[in-house]
């Protein structure tokens, strides 16, 4: 019982941070237009997922909404509560075993210990009396950790102070796709960043460094950092399908908003809904910028 409560507590603490990552990648919402006569699109379930640092699963379920339902002045907590799917029964099945997830917060499910094994296929099933059922299947990707990681402040000469990240990974021989995230965790209002987050995402594949060590340095845009700020740096080994999905998100400045509102041609592995169900175990480092 103590171990189960501990997992639930850890998963809940990761919720705010992951919301900022998974709901990111767009600048702001457009003002509502004074129009009428537009047919309403039937809401669909949108799936997001993350394995946390203690290897617990968190699944986010929201519904699509119209561009007329929110604006820059919308209260983030109100919007989130409006699109969160709270009436779903969510299960994960693998090797003939089915586990039922617990609702941890609005639209957030997890807290159930699951032994995730690399290469094993897991199937998500979420059934909502109001929105219907969605299913999705994926395999757990092997965890790849930073071989070396340094984060420091960088002065660009224009009165801006950026975060500079230098890292090295030892790339396995097989084909791999990576996602590096940098998240500022010194935020007074994580809820407000639901609609205007400031995380940084970088995608890369090993076309040019397959099977060897790879070193890279990049700077985090567009926000400024100060000495004493704490950042979280994530390295995730992701599937090619999720890599392509994230490419589309990054190329679209209003990625999330268009994704959860009007229909768009985003790749998805969710049957009956939208979003992406993925299982990768990130290597996470918390660093105080000096």
C-alpha atoms as a PDB file:
ATOM      1  CA  UNK A   1       0.000   0.000   0.000  1.00  0.00           C
ATOM      2  CA  UNK A   2       2.834   2.405   0.859  1.00  0.00           C
ATOM      3  CA  UNK A   3       4.571   1.672  -2.460  1.00  0.00           C
ATOM      4  CA  UNK A   4       1.317   2.212  -4.381  1.00  0.00           C
ATOM      5  CA  UNK A   5       0.652   5.530  -2.635  1.00  0.00           C
ATOM      6  CA  UNK A   6       4.246   6.575  -3.363  1.00  0.00           C
ATOM      7  CA  UNK A   7       3.836   5.870  -7.060  1.00  0.00           C
ATOM      8  CA  UNK A   8       0.589   7.841  -7.155  1.00  0.00           C
ATOM      9  CA  UNK A   9       2.265  10.764  -5.381  1.00  0.00           C
ATOM     10  CA  UNK A  10       5.230  10.758  -7.768  1.00  0.00           C
ATOM     11  CA  UNK A  11       2.940  10.547 -10.780  1.00  0.00           C
ATOM     12  CA  UNK A  12       0.899  13.495  -9.502  1.00  0.00           C
ATOM     13  CA  UNK A  13       4.013  15.610  -9.024  1.00  0.00           C
ATOM     14  CA  UNK A  14       4.979  14.917 -12.641  1.00  0.00           C
ATOM     15  CA  UNK A  15       1.551  15.955 -13.957  1.00  0.00           C
ATOM     16  CA  UNK A  16       2.159  19.707 -13.965  1.00  0.00           C
ATOM     17  CA  UNK A  17       5.563  19.351 -15.594  1.00  0.00           C
ATOM     18  CA  UNK A  18       4.376  16.940 -18.265  1.00  0.00           C
ATOM     19  CA  UNK A  19       1.310  19.023 -19.070  1.00  0.00           C
ATOM     20  CA  UNK A  20       3.672  21.859 -20.010  1.00  0.00           C
ATOM     21  CA  UNK A  21       5.660  19.533 -22.293  1.00  0.00           C
ATOM     22  CA  UNK A  22       2.897  17.621 -23.928  1.00  0.00           C
ATOM     23  CA  UNK A  23       0.583  20.646 -24.420  1.00  0.00           C
ATOM     24  CA  UNK A  24       3.306  22.892 -25.749  1.00  0.00           C
ATOM     25  CA  UNK A  25       4.658  24.020 -29.072  1.00  0.00           C
ATOM     26  CA  UNK A  26       2.355  26.922 -29.963  1.00  0.00           C
ATOM     27  CA  UNK A  27       2.478  30.624 -29.256  1.00  0.00           C
ATOM     28  CA  UNK A  28      -1.046  31.835 -28.444  1.00  0.00           C
ATOM     29  CA  UNK A  29      -4.677  31.343 -29.334  1.00  0.00           C
ATOM     30  CA  UNK A  30      -6.470  33.586 -31.860  1.00  0.00           C
ATOM     31  CA  UNK A  31      -9.249  35.899 -30.722  1.00  0.00           C
ATOM     32  CA  UNK A  32     -12.734  34.465 -31.170  1.00  0.00           C
ATOM     33  CA  UNK A  33     -14.471  35.530 -34.393  1.00  0.00           C
ATOM     34  CA  UNK A  34     -17.982  36.925 -34.504  1.00  0.00           C
ATOM     35  CA  UNK A  35     -19.413  34.391 -36.932  1.00  0.00           C
ATOM     36  CA  UNK A  36     -22.426  32.119 -37.053  1.00  0.00           C
ATOM     37  CA  UNK A  37     -23.790  29.239 -39.036  1.00  0.00           C
ATOM     38  CA  UNK A  38     -20.663  27.076 -38.678  1.00  0.00           C
ATOM     39  CA  UNK A  39     -21.578  23.426 -38.039  1.00  0.00           C
ATOM     40  CA  UNK A  40     -20.104  22.002 -34.861  1.00  0.00           C
ATOM     41  CA  UNK A  41     -17.612  19.173 -35.192  1.00  0.00           C
ATOM     42  CA  UNK A  42     -18.334  16.165 -33.012  1.00  0.00           C
ATOM     43  CA  UNK A  43     -15.828  16.150 -30.129  1.00  0.00           C
ATOM     44  CA  UNK A  44     -13.230  13.378 -30.122  1.00  0.00           C
ATOM     45  CA  UNK A  45     -10.925  12.055 -27.441  1.00  0.00           C
ATOM     46  CA  UNK A  46      -7.319  13.241 -27.666  1.00  0.00           C
ATOM     47  CA  UNK A  47      -4.671  10.967 -26.112  1.00  0.00           C
ATOM     48  CA  UNK A  48      -1.256  11.913 -24.705  1.00  0.00           C
ATOM     49  CA  UNK A  49       0.985   9.699 -22.579  1.00  0.00           C
ATOM     50  CA  UNK A  50       4.252   9.757 -20.673  1.00  0.00           C
ATOM     51  CA  UNK A  51       6.293   7.345 -18.572  1.00  0.00           C
ATOM     52  CA  UNK A  52       7.638   9.368 -15.628  1.00  0.00           C
ATOM     53  CA  UNK A  53      11.094   9.202 -14.074  1.00  0.00           C
ATOM     54  CA  UNK A  54      10.015   6.431 -11.691  1.00  0.00           C
ATOM     55  CA  UNK A  55       8.641   4.484 -14.699  1.00  0.00           C
ATOM     56  CA  UNK A  56       4.985   5.114 -13.818  1.00  0.00           C
ATOM     57  CA  UNK A  57       2.573   5.774 -16.672  1.00  0.00           C
ATOM     58  CA  UNK A  58       0.511   8.963 -16.949  1.00  0.00           C
ATOM     59  CA  UNK A  59      -2.200   9.183 -19.633  1.00  0.00           C
ATOM     60  CA  UNK A  60      -3.902  12.479 -20.502  1.00  0.00           C
ATOM     61  CA  UNK A  61      -7.362  12.433 -22.066  1.00  0.00           C
ATOM     62  CA  UNK A  62      -8.924  15.623 -23.420  1.00  0.00           C
ATOM     63  CA  UNK A  63     -11.578  16.366 -25.995  1.00  0.00           C
ATOM     64  CA  UNK A  64     -11.290  18.415 -29.163  1.00  0.00           C
ATOM     65  CA  UNK A  65     -12.828  21.856 -29.037  1.00  0.00           C
ATOM     66  CA  UNK A  66     -13.715  24.642 -31.453  1.00  0.00           C
ATOM     67  CA  UNK A  67     -11.611  27.695 -32.216  1.00  0.00           C
ATOM     68  CA  UNK A  68     -14.569  29.721 -30.960  1.00  0.00           C
ATOM     69  CA  UNK A  69     -14.321  28.195 -27.466  1.00  0.00           C
ATOM     70  CA  UNK A  70     -11.153  29.958 -26.267  1.00  0.00           C
ATOM     71  CA  UNK A  71      -9.013  33.069 -26.701  1.00  0.00           C
ATOM     72  CA  UNK A  72      -5.897  34.729 -25.284  1.00  0.00           C
ATOM     73  CA  UNK A  73      -7.998  35.948 -22.358  1.00  0.00           C
ATOM     74  CA  UNK A  74      -9.313  32.510 -21.479  1.00  0.00           C
ATOM     75  CA  UNK A  75      -8.469  31.246 -18.017  1.00  0.00           C
ATOM     76  CA  UNK A  76      -6.161  28.205 -18.519  1.00  0.00           C
ATOM     77  CA  UNK A  77      -7.605  26.241 -15.623  1.00  0.00           C
ATOM     78  CA  UNK A  78     -11.137  26.817 -16.913  1.00  0.00           C
ATOM     79  CA  UNK A  79     -10.172  25.702 -20.425  1.00  0.00           C
ATOM     80  CA  UNK A  80      -8.355  22.621 -19.141  1.00  0.00           C
ATOM     81  CA  UNK A  81     -11.287  21.612 -16.938  1.00  0.00           C
ATOM     82  CA  UNK A  82     -13.620  22.107 -19.902  1.00  0.00           C
ATOM     83  CA  UNK A  83     -11.686  19.818 -22.247  1.00  0.00           C
ATOM     84  CA  UNK A  84     -10.575  17.200 -19.691  1.00  0.00           C
ATOM     85  CA  UNK A  85     -12.226  13.785 -20.069  1.00  0.00           C
ATOM     86  CA  UNK A  86     -13.091  12.667 -16.548  1.00  0.00           C
ATOM     87  CA  UNK A  87     -15.582   9.850 -17.070  1.00  0.00           C
ATOM     88  CA  UNK A  88     -13.381   7.334 -18.881  1.00  0.00           C
ATOM     89  CA  UNK A  89     -12.396   3.832 -17.808  1.00  0.00           C
ATOM     90  CA  UNK A  90      -8.761   3.513 -18.880  1.00  0.00           C
ATOM     91  CA  UNK A  91      -6.920   0.193 -19.109  1.00  0.00           C
ATOM     92  CA  UNK A  92      -3.527  -1.020 -20.316  1.00  0.00           C
ATOM     93  CA  UNK A  93      -3.205  -4.599 -21.628  1.00  0.00           C
ATOM     94  CA  UNK A  94      -0.028  -6.569 -22.323  1.00  0.00           C
ATOM     95  CA  UNK A  95       0.747 -10.289 -22.484  1.00  0.00           C
ATOM     96  CA  UNK A  96      -2.854 -11.102 -21.564  1.00  0.00           C
ATOM     97  CA  UNK A  97      -2.773  -8.955 -18.404  1.00  0.00           C
ATOM     98  CA  UNK A  98      -5.043  -5.909 -18.045  1.00  0.00           C
ATOM     99  CA  UNK A  99      -4.424  -3.079 -15.553  1.00  0.00           C
ATOM    100  CA  UNK A 100      -6.929  -0.303 -14.811  1.00  0.00           C
ATOM    101  CA  UNK A 101      -5.554   3.210 -14.330  1.00  0.00           C
ATOM    102  CA  UNK A 102      -6.708   5.578 -11.591  1.00  0.00           C
ATOM    103  CA  UNK A 103      -7.946   9.120 -12.285  1.00  0.00           C
ATOM    104  CA  UNK A 104      -5.336  11.318 -10.589  1.00  0.00           C
ATOM    105  CA  UNK A 105      -6.586  14.755 -11.667  1.00  0.00           C
ATOM    106  CA  UNK A 106      -8.889  16.236 -14.346  1.00  0.00           C
ATOM    107  CA  UNK A 107      -8.176  14.344 -17.559  1.00  0.00           C
ATOM    108  CA  UNK A 108      -5.195  12.578 -15.956  1.00  0.00           C
ATOM    109  CA  UNK A 109      -4.967   8.820 -15.383  1.00  0.00           C
ATOM    110  CA  UNK A 110      -2.198   6.680 -13.893  1.00  0.00           C
ATOM    111  CA  UNK A 111      -1.003   5.561 -10.470  1.00  0.00           C
ATOM    112  CA  UNK A 112      -1.126   1.837 -11.299  1.00  0.00           C
ATOM    113  CA  UNK A 113       2.195  -0.064 -11.110  1.00  0.00           C
ATOM    114  CA  UNK A 114       2.966  -1.609 -14.507  1.00  0.00           C
ATOM    115  CA  UNK A 115       6.181  -3.408 -15.361  1.00  0.00           C
ATOM    116  CA  UNK A 116       7.134  -1.936 -18.734  1.00  0.00           C
ATOM    117  CA  UNK A 117       9.433  -4.152 -20.790  1.00  0.00           C
ATOM    118  CA  UNK A 118      11.363  -3.033 -23.846  1.00  0.00           C
ATOM    119  CA  UNK A 119       9.994  -4.498 -27.079  1.00  0.00           C
ATOM    120  CA  UNK A 120       6.680  -5.578 -25.541  1.00  0.00           C
ATOM    121  CA  UNK A 121       3.459  -4.266 -27.100  1.00  0.00           C
ATOM    122  CA  UNK A 122       0.972  -2.512 -24.823  1.00  0.00           C
ATOM    123  CA  UNK A 123      -2.598  -1.586 -25.730  1.00  0.00           C
ATOM    124  CA  UNK A 124      -4.465   1.388 -24.315  1.00  0.00           C
ATOM    125  CA  UNK A 125      -8.261   1.342 -24.134  1.00  0.00           C
ATOM    126  CA  UNK A 126     -10.239   4.357 -22.927  1.00  0.00           C
ATOM    127  CA  UNK A 127     -14.027   4.210 -22.859  1.00  0.00           C
ATOM    128  CA  UNK A 128     -16.078   7.308 -22.047  1.00  0.00           C
ATOM    129  CA  UNK A 129     -19.894   7.175 -21.760  1.00  0.00           C
ATOM    130  CA  UNK A 130     -20.063  10.667 -23.297  1.00  0.00           C
ATOM    131  CA  UNK A 131     -17.384  10.486 -26.008  1.00  0.00           C
ATOM    132  CA  UNK A 132     -17.089   6.816 -26.872  1.00  0.00           C
ATOM    133  CA  UNK A 133     -14.080   4.508 -26.991  1.00  0.00           C
ATOM    134  CA  UNK A 134     -10.535   4.841 -28.317  1.00  0.00           C
ATOM    135  CA  UNK A 135      -7.748   2.279 -28.510  1.00  0.00           C
ATOM    136  CA  UNK A 136      -4.057   2.471 -29.344  1.00  0.00           C
ATOM    137  CA  UNK A 137      -1.081   0.117 -29.269  1.00  0.00           C
ATOM    138  CA  UNK A 138       2.659   0.716 -29.092  1.00  0.00           C
ATOM    139  CA  UNK A 139       5.926  -0.901 -28.014  1.00  0.00           C
ATOM    140  CA  UNK A 140       8.170   0.320 -25.224  1.00  0.00           C
ATOM    141  CA  UNK A 141      11.355   1.854 -26.602  1.00  0.00           C
ATOM    142  CA  UNK A 142      14.688   1.012 -24.912  1.00  0.00           C
ATOM    143  CA  UNK A 143      15.868   3.739 -22.537  1.00  0.00           C
ATOM    144  CA  UNK A 144      18.959   5.625 -23.715  1.00  0.00           C
ATOM    145  CA  UNK A 145      20.691   7.913 -21.222  1.00  0.00           C
ATOM    146  CA  UNK A 146      22.949  10.929 -21.584  1.00  0.00           C
ATOM    147  CA  UNK A 147      26.599   9.917 -21.668  1.00  0.00           C
ATOM    148  CA  UNK A 148      27.470  13.460 -20.567  1.00  0.00           C
ATOM    149  CA  UNK A 149      25.382  16.588 -19.967  1.00  0.00           C
ATOM    150  CA  UNK A 150      26.273  20.217 -19.152  1.00  0.00           C
ATOM    151  CA  UNK A 151      23.858  23.159 -18.885  1.00  0.00           C
ATOM    152  CA  UNK A 152      25.055  26.721 -18.408  1.00  0.00           C
ATOM    153  CA  UNK A 153      24.081  30.340 -18.977  1.00  0.00           C
ATOM    154  CA  UNK A 154      25.039  31.944 -22.275  1.00  0.00           C
ATOM    155  CA  UNK A 155      25.209  35.711 -22.863  1.00  0.00           C
ATOM    156  CA  UNK A 156      24.385  36.466 -26.511  1.00  0.00           C
ATOM    157  CA  UNK A 157      25.688  40.045 -26.534  1.00  0.00           C
ATOM    158  CA  UNK A 158      22.210  41.563 -26.868  1.00  0.00           C
ATOM    159  CA  UNK A 159      21.285  41.700 -23.191  1.00  0.00           C
ATOM    160  CA  UNK A 160      19.677  38.264 -23.398  1.00  0.00           C
ATOM    161  CA  UNK A 161      20.773  35.334 -21.253  1.00  0.00           C
ATOM    162  CA  UNK A 162      20.013  31.934 -22.741  1.00  0.00           C
ATOM    163  CA  UNK A 163      20.478  28.392 -21.520  1.00  0.00           C
ATOM    164  CA  UNK A 164      23.184  26.496 -23.409  1.00  0.00           C
ATOM    165  CA  UNK A 165      23.000  22.708 -23.389  1.00  0.00           C
ATOM    166  CA  UNK A 166      25.923  20.435 -24.289  1.00  0.00           C
ATOM    167  CA  UNK A 167      25.475  16.680 -24.255  1.00  0.00           C
ATOM    168  CA  UNK A 168      26.887  13.405 -25.523  1.00  0.00           C
ATOM    169  CA  UNK A 169      25.088  10.142 -26.211  1.00  0.00           C
ATOM    170  CA  UNK A 170      26.384   6.703 -27.127  1.00  0.00           C
ATOM    171  CA  UNK A 171      24.094   5.777 -30.013  1.00  0.00           C
ATOM    172  CA  UNK A 172      23.271   2.062 -30.429  1.00  0.00           C
ATOM    173  CA  UNK A 173      23.831   0.404 -33.802  1.00  0.00           C
ATOM    174  CA  UNK A 174      20.123   0.110 -34.625  1.00  0.00           C
ATOM    175  CA  UNK A 175      18.187   3.038 -36.092  1.00  0.00           C
ATOM    176  CA  UNK A 176      17.046   5.548 -33.457  1.00  0.00           C
ATOM    177  CA  UNK A 177      15.026   8.741 -33.227  1.00  0.00           C
ATOM    178  CA  UNK A 178      15.521  11.126 -30.302  1.00  0.00           C
ATOM    179  CA  UNK A 179      13.683  13.949 -28.583  1.00  0.00           C
ATOM    180  CA  UNK A 180      15.450  16.376 -26.234  1.00  0.00           C
ATOM    181  CA  UNK A 181      13.279  18.619 -24.048  1.00  0.00           C
ATOM    182  CA  UNK A 182      14.355  21.509 -21.842  1.00  0.00           C
ATOM    183  CA  UNK A 183      11.782  22.691 -19.318  1.00  0.00           C
ATOM    184  CA  UNK A 184      11.990  25.637 -16.946  1.00  0.00           C
ATOM    185  CA  UNK A 185      10.505  24.356 -13.691  1.00  0.00           C
ATOM    186  CA  UNK A 186      10.749  27.662 -11.776  1.00  0.00           C
ATOM    187  CA  UNK A 187       7.215  28.716 -12.644  1.00  0.00           C
ATOM    188  CA  UNK A 188       4.792  30.304 -10.226  1.00  0.00           C
ATOM    189  CA  UNK A 189       1.766  29.251 -12.249  1.00  0.00           C
ATOM    190  CA  UNK A 190       2.104  25.909 -14.032  1.00  0.00           C
ATOM    191  CA  UNK A 191      -1.615  25.939 -14.805  1.00  0.00           C
ATOM    192  CA  UNK A 192      -1.316  29.167 -16.826  1.00  0.00           C
ATOM    193  CA  UNK A 193       1.354  27.552 -18.998  1.00  0.00           C
ATOM    194  CA  UNK A 194      -1.210  25.051 -20.269  1.00  0.00           C
ATOM    195  CA  UNK A 195      -2.144  27.516 -23.014  1.00  0.00           C
ATOM    196  CA  UNK A 196       1.181  29.294 -23.460  1.00  0.00           C
ATOM    197  CA  UNK A 197       4.014  27.028 -22.288  1.00  0.00           C
ATOM    198  CA  UNK A 198       7.685  27.820 -22.649  1.00  0.00           C
ATOM    199  CA  UNK A 199       9.351  24.457 -23.010  1.00  0.00           C
ATOM    200  CA  UNK A 200      11.895  23.713 -25.721  1.00  0.00           C
ATOM    201  CA  UNK A 201      11.879  20.604 -27.914  1.00  0.00           C
ATOM    202  CA  UNK A 202      14.625  19.377 -30.210  1.00  0.00           C
ATOM    203  CA  UNK A 203      14.314  16.365 -32.527  1.00  0.00           C
ATOM    204  CA  UNK A 204      17.156  14.425 -34.106  1.00  0.00           C
ATOM    205  CA  UNK A 205      17.801  11.045 -35.701  1.00  0.00           C
ATOM    206  CA  UNK A 206      21.022   9.094 -36.054  1.00  0.00           C
ATOM    207  CA  UNK A 207      21.341   9.190 -39.850  1.00  0.00           C
ATOM    208  CA  UNK A 208      24.806  10.742 -39.503  1.00  0.00           C
ATOM    209  CA  UNK A 209      26.021   9.080 -36.279  1.00  0.00           C
ATOM    210  CA  UNK A 210      24.519   5.602 -36.188  1.00  0.00           C
ATOM    211  CA  UNK A 211      26.378   3.346 -33.787  1.00  0.00           C
ATOM    212  CA  UNK A 212      28.874   5.965 -32.546  1.00  0.00           C
ATOM    213  CA  UNK A 213      29.119   8.653 -29.870  1.00  0.00           C
ATOM    214  CA  UNK A 214      27.408  11.918 -30.750  1.00  0.00           C
ATOM    215  CA  UNK A 215      28.075  15.335 -29.207  1.00  0.00           C
ATOM    216  CA  UNK A 216      25.993  18.464 -29.683  1.00  0.00           C
ATOM    217  CA  UNK A 217      25.613  21.961 -28.220  1.00  0.00           C
ATOM    218  CA  UNK A 218      22.478  24.076 -28.649  1.00  0.00           C
ATOM    219  CA  UNK A 219      20.856  27.117 -27.059  1.00  0.00           C
ATOM    220  CA  UNK A 220      17.332  27.279 -25.738  1.00  0.00           C
ATOM    221  CA  UNK A 221      15.096  29.895 -27.392  1.00  0.00           C
ATOM    222  CA  UNK A 222      13.204  32.138 -27.015  1.00  0.00           C
ATOM    223  CA  UNK A 223      13.070  32.762 -23.273  1.00  0.00           C
ATOM    224  CA  UNK A 224      15.746  34.246 -21.014  1.00  0.00           C
ATOM    225  CA  UNK A 225      17.216  32.521 -17.969  1.00  0.00           C
ATOM    226  CA  UNK A 226      18.849  33.771 -14.793  1.00  0.00           C
ATOM    227  CA  UNK A 227      21.381  32.368 -12.373  1.00  0.00           C
ATOM    228  CA  UNK A 228      19.605  30.094  -9.924  1.00  0.00           C
ATOM    229  CA  UNK A 229      16.920  28.938 -12.398  1.00  0.00           C
ATOM    230  CA  UNK A 230      16.285  25.200 -12.351  1.00  0.00           C
ATOM    231  CA  UNK A 231      15.721  23.344 -15.605  1.00  0.00           C
ATOM    232  CA  UNK A 232      14.834  19.767 -16.428  1.00  0.00           C
ATOM    233  CA  UNK A 233      16.579  18.229 -19.448  1.00  0.00           C
ATOM    234  CA  UNK A 234      14.953  15.137 -20.954  1.00  0.00           C
ATOM    235  CA  UNK A 235      16.421  12.646 -23.431  1.00  0.00           C
ATOM    236  CA  UNK A 236      13.894  10.267 -24.966  1.00  0.00           C
ATOM    237  CA  UNK A 237      14.383   7.451 -27.447  1.00  0.00           C
ATOM    238  CA  UNK A 238      11.156   7.602 -29.445  1.00  0.00           C
ATOM    239  CA  UNK A 239       9.552   5.684 -32.299  1.00  0.00           C
ATOM    240  CA  UNK A 240       9.791   6.896 -35.882  1.00  0.00           C
ATOM    241  CA  UNK A 241       5.998   7.378 -35.944  1.00  0.00           C
ATOM    242  CA  UNK A 242       6.069   9.649 -32.898  1.00  0.00           C
ATOM    243  CA  UNK A 243       9.092  11.486 -34.341  1.00  0.00           C
ATOM    244  CA  UNK A 244       7.074  12.316 -37.488  1.00  0.00           C
ATOM    245  CA  UNK A 245       4.102  13.342 -35.364  1.00  0.00           C
ATOM    246  CA  UNK A 246       6.275  15.722 -33.326  1.00  0.00           C
ATOM    247  CA  UNK A 247       7.836  17.120 -36.511  1.00  0.00           C
ATOM    248  CA  UNK A 248       4.377  18.199 -37.602  1.00  0.00           C
ATOM    249  CA  UNK A 249       3.668  19.722 -34.206  1.00  0.00           C
ATOM    250  CA  UNK A 250       6.925  21.713 -34.257  1.00  0.00           C
ATOM    251  CA  UNK A 251       6.347  22.967 -37.778  1.00  0.00           C
ATOM    252  CA  UNK A 252       2.939  24.319 -36.810  1.00  0.00           C
ATOM    253  CA  UNK A 253       3.091  27.413 -34.584  1.00  0.00           C
ATOM    254  CA  UNK A 254      -0.459  26.765 -33.405  1.00  0.00           C
ATOM    255  CA  UNK A 255       0.203  23.014 -33.183  1.00  0.00           C
ATOM    256  CA  UNK A 256      -1.787  22.080 -30.135  1.00  0.00           C
ATOM    257  CA  UNK A 257      -4.682  24.440 -30.775  1.00  0.00           C
ATOM    258  CA  UNK A 258      -5.278  23.240 -34.302  1.00  0.00           C
ATOM    259  CA  UNK A 259      -4.708  19.682 -33.152  1.00  0.00           C
ATOM    260  CA  UNK A 260      -7.436  19.761 -30.505  1.00  0.00           C
ATOM    261  CA  UNK A 261      -9.876  21.997 -32.395  1.00  0.00           C
ATOM    262  CA  UNK A 262     -10.627  21.807 -36.097  1.00  0.00           C
ATOM    263  CA  UNK A 263      -9.751  18.606 -38.035  1.00  0.00           C
ATOM    264  CA  UNK A 264      -6.188  18.495 -39.349  1.00  0.00           C
ATOM    265  CA  UNK A 265      -4.070  15.802 -40.924  1.00  0.00           C
ATOM    266  CA  UNK A 266      -1.911  14.811 -37.964  1.00  0.00           C
ATOM    267  CA  UNK A 267      -0.513  11.321 -37.883  1.00  0.00           C
ATOM    268  CA  UNK A 268      -1.935   9.259 -35.035  1.00  0.00           C
ATOM    269  CA  UNK A 269      -1.938   5.720 -33.700  1.00  0.00           C
ATOM    270  CA  UNK A 270      -5.229   6.282 -31.850  1.00  0.00           C
ATOM    271  CA  UNK A 271      -8.199   4.403 -33.294  1.00  0.00           C
ATOM    272  CA  UNK A 272     -11.415   6.362 -32.822  1.00  0.00           C
ATOM    273  CA  UNK A 273      -9.711   9.569 -31.677  1.00  0.00           C
ATOM    274  CA  UNK A 274      -6.623  11.733 -31.997  1.00  0.00           C
ATOM    275  CA  UNK A 275      -3.267  12.261 -30.358  1.00  0.00           C
ATOM    276  CA  UNK A 276      -0.543   9.705 -29.846  1.00  0.00           C
ATOM    277  CA  UNK A 277      -0.044   6.863 -27.383  1.00  0.00           C
ATOM    278  CA  UNK A 278       3.660   6.300 -26.857  1.00  0.00           C
ATOM    279  CA  UNK A 279       5.782   4.519 -24.272  1.00  0.00           C
ATOM    280  CA  UNK A 280       9.336   5.737 -23.870  1.00  0.00           C
ATOM    281  CA  UNK A 281      11.305   6.052 -20.653  1.00  0.00           C
ATOM    282  CA  UNK A 282      13.084   9.435 -20.544  1.00  0.00           C
ATOM    283  CA  UNK A 283      16.452  10.101 -18.965  1.00  0.00           C
ATOM    284  CA  UNK A 284      15.751  13.218 -16.842  1.00  0.00           C
ATOM    285  CA  UNK A 285      18.307  15.547 -15.240  1.00  0.00           C
ATOM    286  CA  UNK A 286      17.518  18.538 -13.022  1.00  0.00           C
ATOM    287  CA  UNK A 287      20.134  21.281 -13.225  1.00  0.00           C
ATOM    288  CA  UNK A 288      20.488  24.625 -11.436  1.00  0.00           C
ATOM    289  CA  UNK A 289      21.947  27.192 -13.824  1.00  0.00           C
ATOM    290  CA  UNK A 290      25.003  28.890 -12.337  1.00  0.00           C
END
